[in-house]
Amino acid sequence: MDTEQRLRDAAEKLALTLSQGGMQKTTARVMTALLYTEQESMTAADLRDQLAISSGAVSAAVKQLIPLGLIERVPAPGSRRDHYRFRRGAWASLMSQQNAILQVMVAAAEEGLDAAGDEGATARRLHEMKDFYAYMAEQLVPLIDTWREKYAAQHG
């Protein structure tokens, strides 16, 4: 089996895993196609042809992936088509977005505690929830910053 086919197989395997985790299957396939390609960028037509999906499906996937910071639209001199590539730093950006979710969970726990008070089983569970998510939010930002510094030092 050649390298290109092995990369496509690996991409499909990851896409299946991501879709089992809740990402729409087509979105996962577009993301992994851009992650595993040896091309610098791909057009919507490239993605459509490689994945055997409709242009509308590619468009919908792109509309989901760009705001997440996983892919980006890039200029291609001499081409009138949009080109997309997997974004450098995408993983750290994606994880940074999780911080907002952590803050939402802290706020939800605080709202529950306001309603439940500080005593009882509900309060005990909500305090644990609040403390856990507050701790994770506190640790996430410096962890991502440290990773970015380490990566930049190793890879320039």
Protein backbone atom coordinates (compact mmCIF):
# COMPACT_ATOMS: atom_id res chain seq x y z
CA MET A 1 0.00 0.00 0.00
CA ASP A 2 1.42 3.41 -0.95
CA THR A 3 1.93 6.34 1.44
CA GLU A 4 -0.98 8.36 0.05
CA GLN A 5 -3.43 5.51 0.60
CA ARG A 6 -2.08 4.87 4.09
CA LEU A 7 -2.59 8.55 4.94
CA ARG A 8 -6.15 8.47 3.59
CA ASP A 9 -6.88 5.34 5.62
CA ALA A 10 -5.49 6.97 8.76
CA ALA A 11 -7.57 10.07 8.08
CA GLU A 12 -10.75 8.01 7.68
CA LYS A 13 -10.00 6.13 10.90
CA LEU A 14 -9.57 9.38 12.84
CA ALA A 15 -12.71 10.83 11.23
CA LEU A 16 -14.68 7.79 12.39
CA THR A 17 -13.35 8.24 15.93
CA LEU A 18 -14.25 11.94 15.92
CA SER A 19 -17.74 11.21 14.62
CA GLN A 20 -18.24 8.63 17.36
CA GLY A 21 -17.26 11.39 19.78
CA GLY A 22 -19.97 13.72 18.46
CA MET A 23 -18.52 15.57 15.48
CA GLN A 24 -20.59 15.34 12.31
CA LYS A 25 -19.09 12.66 10.09
CA THR A 26 -18.62 14.82 7.01
CA THR A 27 -17.07 17.62 9.06
CA ALA A 28 -14.67 15.12 10.61
CA ARG A 29 -13.76 13.74 7.18
CA VAL A 30 -13.05 17.20 5.76
CA MET A 31 -10.95 18.10 8.80
CA THR A 32 -8.91 14.92 8.65
CA ALA A 33 -8.45 15.18 4.88
CA LEU A 34 -6.85 18.59 5.43
CA LEU A 35 -4.82 17.29 8.37
CA TYR A 36 -3.42 14.28 6.51
CA THR A 37 -2.85 15.73 3.04
CA GLU A 38 0.65 16.28 1.71
CA GLN A 39 -0.70 19.23 -0.30
CA GLU A 40 -0.15 22.68 1.20
CA SER A 41 -3.85 23.45 0.69
CA MET A 42 -6.93 21.96 -0.94
CA THR A 43 -9.86 23.48 -2.78
CA ALA A 44 -13.45 22.59 -2.07
CA ALA A 45 -13.40 20.64 -5.34
CA ASP A 46 -10.32 18.71 -4.18
CA LEU A 47 -12.10 17.80 -0.96
CA ARG A 48 -15.31 16.91 -2.79
CA ASP A 49 -13.50 14.63 -5.20
CA GLN A 50 -11.25 12.96 -2.64
CA LEU A 51 -14.04 12.33 -0.14
CA ALA A 52 -16.80 11.64 -2.70
CA ILE A 53 -19.16 14.13 -1.05
CA SER A 54 -21.24 17.01 -2.39
CA SER A 55 -20.07 20.59 -2.71
CA GLY A 56 -22.75 21.54 -0.18
CA ALA A 57 -21.35 19.05 2.32
CA VAL A 58 -17.86 20.51 1.91
CA SER A 59 -19.25 24.03 2.35
CA ALA A 60 -21.14 23.06 5.51
CA ALA A 61 -18.06 21.39 6.98
CA VAL A 62 -15.86 24.38 6.21
CA LYS A 63 -18.40 26.69 7.88
CA GLN A 64 -18.09 24.60 11.05
CA LEU A 65 -14.31 24.16 11.04
CA ILE A 66 -13.18 27.73 10.35
CA PRO A 67 -14.80 29.26 13.47
CA LEU A 68 -13.29 26.48 15.58
CA GLY A 69 -9.86 27.55 14.37
CA LEU A 70 -9.03 24.14 12.95
CA ILE A 71 -8.82 25.16 9.30
CA GLU A 72 -8.35 28.44 7.49
CA ARG A 73 -9.03 29.90 4.07
CA VAL A 74 -5.78 30.85 2.36
CA PRO A 75 -4.92 32.82 -0.75
CA ALA A 76 -3.65 30.89 -3.73
CA PRO A 77 -1.92 33.10 -6.29
CA GLY A 78 -3.33 32.57 -9.75
CA SER A 79 -6.40 30.71 -8.49
CA ARG A 80 -9.91 32.09 -8.22
CA ARG A 81 -11.02 29.22 -5.98
CA ASP A 82 -10.95 29.22 -2.21
CA HIS A 83 -8.15 27.12 -0.78
CA TYR A 84 -8.21 25.63 2.70
CA ARG A 85 -5.54 24.23 4.95
CA PHE A 86 -5.26 22.83 8.41
CA ARG A 87 -4.32 25.75 10.62
CA ARG A 88 -0.98 25.88 12.38
CA GLY A 89 -1.58 26.06 16.13
CA ALA A 90 -5.05 24.59 15.69
CA TRP A 91 -4.82 22.18 18.62
CA ALA A 92 -3.83 24.84 21.15
CA SER A 93 -6.55 27.16 19.82
CA LEU A 94 -9.15 24.43 20.09
CA MET A 95 -8.11 23.62 23.65
CA SER A 96 -8.12 27.34 24.53
CA GLN A 97 -11.76 27.45 23.49
CA GLN A 98 -12.45 24.80 26.09
CA ASN A 99 -11.70 27.42 28.72
CA ALA A 100 -14.99 29.13 27.85
CA ILE A 101 -16.82 25.85 28.42
CA LEU A 102 -15.10 25.45 31.77
CA GLN A 103 -16.27 28.92 32.79
CA VAL A 104 -19.83 28.05 31.76
CA MET A 105 -19.66 24.97 34.00
CA VAL A 106 -18.39 27.05 36.94
CA ALA A 107 -21.23 29.52 36.42
CA ALA A 108 -23.78 26.69 36.23
CA ALA A 109 -22.52 25.27 39.51
CA GLU A 110 -22.66 28.70 41.14
CA GLU A 111 -26.23 29.19 39.92
CA GLY A 112 -27.18 25.81 41.34
CA LEU A 113 -25.53 26.66 44.66
CA ASP A 114 -27.45 29.94 44.80
CA ALA A 115 -30.65 27.95 44.46
CA ALA A 116 -29.68 24.99 46.69
CA GLY A 117 -27.80 26.79 49.43
CA ASP A 118 -24.60 25.49 51.01
CA GLU A 119 -25.97 22.43 52.80
CA GLY A 120 -27.17 19.03 51.63
CA ALA A 121 -26.37 16.49 48.95
CA THR A 122 -27.09 18.83 46.06
CA ALA A 123 -24.76 21.47 47.45
CA ARG A 124 -22.02 18.90 48.02
CA ARG A 125 -22.19 17.75 44.40
CA LEU A 126 -22.35 21.31 43.06
CA HIS A 127 -19.38 22.40 45.19
CA GLU A 128 -17.35 19.52 43.75
CA MET A 129 -18.44 20.50 40.23
CA LYS A 130 -17.54 24.16 40.80
CA ASP A 131 -14.18 23.36 42.38
CA PHE A 132 -13.25 20.89 39.63
CA TYR A 133 -14.08 23.20 36.72
CA ALA A 134 -12.53 26.24 38.42
CA TYR A 135 -9.33 24.24 38.94
CA MET A 136 -9.30 23.04 35.34
CA ALA A 137 -9.85 26.60 34.07
CA GLU A 138 -7.03 27.85 36.29
CA GLN A 139 -4.63 25.18 35.02
CA LEU A 140 -5.56 25.20 31.33
CA VAL A 141 -4.29 28.64 30.31
CA PRO A 142 -0.76 28.27 31.73
CA LEU A 143 -0.59 24.71 30.42
CA ILE A 144 -1.39 25.82 26.88
CA ASP A 145 1.02 28.76 27.14
CA THR A 146 3.80 26.44 28.30
CA TRP A 147 3.09 24.05 25.45
CA ARG A 148 3.18 26.89 22.89
CA GLU A 149 6.53 28.12 24.24
CA LYS A 150 8.00 24.61 24.23
CA TYR A 151 6.73 23.88 20.72
CA ALA A 152 8.03 27.19 19.37
CA ALA A 153 11.44 26.54 20.90
CA GLN A 154 11.59 23.08 19.34
CA HIS A 155 10.06 23.86 15.94
CA GLY A 156 10.64 27.55 15.38
